[in-house]
Amino acid sequence: MSSKNEATRIVGIAWYRPDQWISLKEFCEDRDRMDETYEIWQKGAQNAMRQLRSGGENVVSVDFDLEEFKMWCSANHKRPIASSRSEFTVLKTRDLDKG
């Protein structure tokens, strides 16, 4: 999540690619905490977006490319876990917010 000010805050939700889901789970150390299938994850993400929007948040889906995430993890000495996925998404959301 990033914000210029409260009125223009954008909340980013990582939007995983269906063709990368299995590879993402194989790469991530916390795969046992991730949804079993892309479809289950997608349904949960859509519900989260609806709830945030109903609360007045400006929510956007943020394209999450596995290869870019792998390079980012390596360059920043990050383990491929939930907190790193979140941090990566926040950074990508800030890029959207600047544009």
Protein backbone atom coordinates (compact mmCIF):
# COMPACT_ATOMS: atom_id res chain seq x y z
CA MET A 1 0.00 0.00 0.00
CA SER A 2 1.26 3.48 -0.75
CA SER A 3 -0.13 6.89 -0.27
CA LYS A 4 0.43 10.45 -1.39
CA ASN A 5 -2.22 11.42 1.10
CA GLU A 6 -5.25 9.73 2.56
CA ALA A 7 -7.54 10.91 -0.26
CA THR A 8 -5.47 9.35 -3.05
CA ARG A 9 -4.20 6.21 -1.34
CA ILE A 10 -4.02 3.14 -3.53
CA VAL A 11 -4.19 -0.36 -2.08
CA GLY A 12 -2.44 -2.91 -4.29
CA ILE A 13 -3.33 -6.58 -4.34
CA ALA A 14 -0.79 -8.92 -5.91
CA TRP A 15 -2.37 -10.47 -8.96
CA TYR A 16 -0.62 -13.72 -9.68
CA ARG A 17 -0.57 -15.12 -13.19
CA PRO A 18 -2.45 -18.40 -13.66
CA ASP A 19 0.32 -19.85 -15.85
CA GLN A 20 2.89 -19.11 -13.11
CA TRP A 21 0.92 -20.35 -10.08
CA ILE A 22 2.52 -23.79 -9.82
CA SER A 23 6.02 -22.40 -10.37
CA LEU A 24 5.36 -19.65 -7.80
CA LYS A 25 4.37 -22.25 -5.22
CA GLU A 26 7.45 -24.33 -6.02
CA PHE A 27 9.69 -21.27 -5.59
CA CYS A 28 8.17 -19.98 -2.37
CA GLU A 29 9.37 -21.37 0.94
CA ASP A 30 5.93 -20.97 2.52
CA ARG A 31 4.05 -22.89 -0.18
CA ASP A 32 2.25 -24.88 2.51
CA ARG A 33 0.52 -21.64 3.58
CA MET A 34 -0.53 -20.70 0.04
CA ASP A 35 -3.85 -21.69 -1.49
CA GLU A 36 -3.85 -25.11 -3.09
CA THR A 37 -5.00 -23.91 -6.51
CA TYR A 38 -4.97 -20.70 -8.50
CA GLU A 39 -8.77 -20.76 -8.62
CA ILE A 40 -9.05 -20.86 -4.82
CA TRP A 41 -6.53 -18.04 -4.51
CA GLN A 42 -8.33 -15.98 -7.17
CA LYS A 43 -11.70 -16.31 -5.45
CA GLY A 44 -10.17 -15.16 -2.15
CA ALA A 45 -8.39 -12.23 -3.82
CA GLN A 46 -11.59 -11.13 -5.54
CA ASN A 47 -13.45 -11.27 -2.22
CA ALA A 48 -10.73 -9.24 -0.51
CA MET A 49 -10.87 -6.62 -3.26
CA ARG A 50 -14.67 -6.37 -2.96
CA GLN A 51 -14.46 -5.95 0.81
CA LEU A 52 -11.78 -3.26 0.57
CA ARG A 53 -13.70 -1.38 -2.12
CA SER A 54 -16.90 -1.54 -0.09
CA GLY A 55 -14.92 0.09 2.71
CA GLY A 56 -14.01 2.95 0.41
CA GLU A 57 -10.50 1.87 -0.54
CA ASN A 58 -9.04 2.54 -3.99
CA VAL A 59 -7.96 -1.03 -4.80
CA VAL A 60 -5.93 -2.11 -7.82
CA SER A 61 -4.65 -5.47 -8.93
CA VAL A 62 -0.88 -5.43 -9.34
CA ASP A 63 0.61 -7.72 -11.97
CA PHE A 64 2.93 -10.15 -10.19
CA ASP A 65 5.53 -11.63 -12.50
CA LEU A 66 7.39 -14.57 -11.00
CA GLU A 67 10.64 -13.99 -12.89
CA GLU A 68 10.71 -10.35 -11.81
CA PHE A 69 10.02 -11.43 -8.23
CA LYS A 70 12.85 -13.97 -8.35
CA MET A 71 15.29 -11.31 -9.55
CA TRP A 72 14.06 -8.87 -6.90
CA CYS A 73 14.47 -11.47 -4.15
CA SER A 74 18.00 -12.23 -5.30
CA ALA A 75 19.02 -8.57 -5.65
CA ASN A 76 17.56 -7.65 -2.25
CA HIS A 77 18.56 -10.80 -0.34
CA LYS A 78 14.92 -11.67 0.39
CA ARG A 79 13.52 -15.08 1.12
CA PRO A 80 10.55 -16.02 -1.09
CA ILE A 81 7.90 -15.84 1.63
CA ALA A 82 4.65 -13.94 2.20
CA SER A 83 6.29 -10.83 3.64
CA SER A 84 8.56 -10.56 0.59
CA ARG A 85 5.63 -11.01 -1.80
CA SER A 86 3.84 -8.24 0.09
CA GLU A 87 6.85 -5.93 0.03
CA PHE A 88 7.33 -6.54 -3.70
CA THR A 89 3.65 -5.75 -4.29
CA VAL A 90 3.88 -2.54 -2.24
CA LEU A 91 6.84 -1.39 -4.34
CA LYS A 92 5.00 -2.15 -7.57
CA THR A 93 1.93 -0.34 -6.24
CA ARG A 94 4.05 2.72 -5.52
CA ASP A 95 5.24 2.63 -9.13
CA LEU A 96 1.59 2.64 -10.24
CA ASP A 97 0.79 5.45 -7.82
CA LYS A 98 3.57 7.62 -9.29
CA GLY A 99 2.32 7.11 -12.83
